[in-house]
Protein backbone atom coordinates (compact mmCIF):
# COMPACT_ATOMS: atom_id res chain seq x y z
CA MET A 1 7.67 -8.95 15.25
CA ASP A 2 11.11 -8.96 13.68
CA GLU A 3 12.35 -10.58 10.47
CA ILE A 4 13.59 -13.73 12.23
CA HIS A 5 10.07 -14.40 13.55
CA LEU A 6 8.62 -13.56 10.13
CA GLN A 7 10.92 -16.07 8.45
CA SER A 8 10.03 -18.83 10.93
CA LEU A 9 6.29 -18.03 10.55
CA CYS A 10 6.57 -18.37 6.75
CA GLU A 11 8.38 -21.69 7.08
CA GLU A 12 5.83 -22.97 9.61
CA LEU A 13 2.79 -21.92 7.54
CA SER A 14 4.31 -23.42 4.40
CA LEU A 15 4.79 -26.80 6.04
CA SER A 16 1.43 -26.89 7.82
CA PHE A 17 -0.82 -25.63 4.97
CA PHE A 18 1.08 -26.65 1.83
CA GLY A 19 3.16 -29.62 3.05
CA LYS A 20 6.21 -28.15 1.32
CA PRO A 21 9.19 -26.21 2.73
CA PHE A 22 9.76 -22.52 2.18
CA LYS A 23 13.44 -22.34 1.22
CA HIS A 24 13.83 -18.64 0.48
CA SER A 25 13.74 -15.50 2.61
CA ALA A 26 10.85 -13.48 3.98
CA ARG A 27 11.34 -9.89 5.07
CA PHE A 28 9.49 -6.69 5.91
CA ASN A 29 9.48 -3.89 3.35
CA LYS A 30 8.50 -0.48 4.69
CA ARG A 31 8.24 0.96 1.18
CA LEU A 32 5.10 -1.07 0.37
CA ARG A 33 2.10 1.24 0.47
CA THR A 34 -0.97 -0.21 -1.20
CA THR A 35 -0.36 -3.93 -0.81
CA GLY A 36 -0.02 -6.31 2.11
CA GLY A 37 2.84 -8.24 0.58
CA ARG A 38 4.46 -9.39 -2.62
CA TYR A 39 6.20 -12.41 -4.07
CA LEU A 40 9.35 -11.65 -6.06
CA LEU A 41 9.60 -13.83 -9.16
CA LYS A 42 13.35 -13.55 -9.71
CA THR A 43 14.56 -14.21 -6.17
CA HIS A 44 11.52 -16.20 -4.90
CA ASP A 45 11.50 -14.04 -1.76
CA ILE A 46 8.42 -12.72 0.00
CA GLU A 47 8.09 -9.14 1.24
CA ILE A 48 5.48 -8.14 3.81
CA ASN A 49 4.16 -4.67 4.64
CA PRO A 50 4.90 -4.09 8.37
CA LYS A 51 2.02 -1.59 8.68
CA TYR A 52 -0.45 -4.47 8.44
CA PHE A 53 1.10 -6.14 11.49
CA GLU A 54 1.03 -2.88 13.45
CA GLU A 55 -2.59 -2.13 12.60
CA GLN A 56 -4.35 -5.46 12.03
CA GLY A 57 -2.24 -7.95 13.99
CA LEU A 58 -0.88 -11.45 13.54
CA GLU A 59 -3.96 -13.00 11.91
CA ALA A 60 -3.85 -10.51 9.03
CA ILE A 61 -0.14 -11.24 8.52
CA LYS A 62 -0.84 -14.99 8.44
CA GLY A 63 -3.44 -14.44 5.73
CA ILE A 64 -1.06 -12.31 3.69
CA ILE A 65 1.73 -14.89 4.05
CA LYS A 66 -0.59 -17.71 2.95
CA HIS A 67 -1.57 -15.65 -0.09
CA GLU A 68 2.06 -15.02 -1.03
CA LEU A 69 2.95 -18.67 -0.42
CA CYS A 70 0.28 -19.61 -2.98
CA HIS A 71 2.15 -17.49 -5.54
CA TYR A 72 5.45 -19.03 -4.38
CA HIS A 73 4.55 -22.71 -4.58
CA LEU A 74 2.59 -22.45 -7.82
CA HIS A 75 5.39 -20.52 -9.52
CA LEU A 76 7.99 -23.09 -8.48
CA GLU A 77 5.76 -25.91 -9.74
CA GLY A 78 5.27 -24.20 -13.11
CA LYS A 79 1.51 -23.77 -12.64
CA GLY A 80 -0.62 -20.65 -12.97
CA TYR A 81 0.49 -18.36 -10.14
CA GLN A 82 -1.22 -15.11 -11.17
CA HIS A 83 -4.42 -13.79 -9.63
CA ARG A 84 -6.46 -14.55 -12.75
CA ASP A 85 -5.35 -18.20 -13.00
CA SER A 86 -7.69 -20.98 -11.90
CA ASP A 87 -4.83 -22.88 -10.19
CA PHE A 88 -4.18 -19.87 -7.99
CA ARG A 89 -7.83 -19.36 -7.08
CA LEU A 90 -8.29 -23.02 -6.28
CA LEU A 91 -5.24 -23.10 -4.00
CA LEU A 92 -6.43 -19.95 -2.21
CA LYS A 93 -9.70 -21.70 -1.35
CA GLN A 94 -7.94 -24.88 -0.24
CA VAL A 95 -5.67 -23.12 2.28
CA ASP A 96 -8.29 -20.48 3.23
CA ALA A 97 -6.11 -17.55 2.18
CA PRO A 98 -7.67 -14.15 1.39
CA ARG A 99 -7.67 -13.02 -2.22
CA PHE A 100 -7.31 -9.38 -1.15
CA CYS A 101 -6.21 -7.88 2.16
CA LYS A 102 -8.27 -5.35 4.06
CA PRO A 103 -7.25 -1.74 3.41
CA LEU A 104 -5.30 0.11 6.06
CA THR A 105 -7.18 2.78 8.00
CA MET A 106 -4.00 4.77 8.61
CA VAL A 107 -3.72 5.45 4.89
CA LYS A 108 -6.19 8.25 4.32
CA LYS A 109 -6.32 11.01 1.80
CA ARG A 110 -4.38 13.83 3.26
CA ARG A 111 -6.16 17.09 3.52
CA LEU A 112 -4.95 19.87 1.28
CA GLU A 113 -2.67 22.11 3.29
CA LEU A 114 -3.37 25.68 2.28
CA LYS A 115 -0.31 27.82 2.79
CA HIS A 116 -0.90 30.94 0.68
CA SER A 117 -3.85 33.36 0.77
CA TYR A 118 -4.58 36.12 -1.71
CA GLN A 119 -7.30 38.79 -1.76
CA CYS A 120 -8.69 40.68 -4.70
CA ILE A 121 -8.31 44.45 -4.28
CA THR A 122 -11.55 45.16 -6.18
CA CYS A 123 -14.11 42.54 -5.02
CA HIS A 124 -12.25 41.43 -1.82
CA HIS A 125 -12.67 37.72 -2.62
CA ILE A 126 -10.11 35.52 -0.82
CA PHE A 127 -8.27 32.78 -2.72
CA GLU A 128 -6.40 30.07 -0.81
CA ARG A 129 -3.71 28.13 -2.61
CA LYS A 130 -1.24 25.37 -1.85
CA LYS A 131 1.35 26.86 -4.19
CA ARG A 132 2.51 30.44 -4.43
CA VAL A 133 0.90 32.65 -7.11
CA ASP A 134 2.73 35.41 -9.01
CA VAL A 135 0.47 38.42 -8.29
CA SER A 136 2.02 40.47 -11.10
CA ARG A 137 1.00 37.83 -13.63
CA TYR A 138 -2.39 36.56 -12.37
CA VAL A 139 -5.64 38.43 -11.68
CA CYS A 140 -8.91 37.71 -9.88
CA GLY A 141 -11.01 35.07 -11.65
CA ARG A 142 -14.25 36.86 -10.76
CA CYS A 143 -13.66 40.48 -11.66
CA LYS A 144 -10.15 40.62 -13.20
CA GLY A 145 -8.94 42.84 -10.34
CA LYS A 146 -5.39 42.79 -8.96
CA LEU A 147 -4.43 40.35 -6.23
CA LYS A 148 -2.48 40.98 -3.04
CA LYS A 149 -0.99 38.42 -0.66
CA ILE A 150 -2.54 38.38 2.82
CA GLN A 151 -1.58 36.68 6.05
CA LEU A 152 -4.27 34.73 7.88
């Protein structure tokens, strides 16, 4: 899906569910990480996270667009457009828009990449670290022996 199709989908959903036109622009924003989309108060534009389309498909995007259109129409009408407002919650129920989007499965906690290994000369305990350690300044936490860098 490209931005032209996204714009036409927003306009179509706005007319069919809200009975009002969507007169501003809708676009994809690759920088969005933790949210499915957002409504910009100053420009009245809607930004959508393209990862949701790639992973969850068109139905998830329609739900996100309906959610953002609730913010859009309520803000333009001067009503409560924030998540905590009763006007917003009521409109979400009327148009069957989700209050929250499902989390992405691609976004997982990345495993710690261990790049540096050190061994105590005295007790032979191995320490693995992400960042480099100054062996002249630090000692073993178990026995206070000197450390040496090893290659695994």
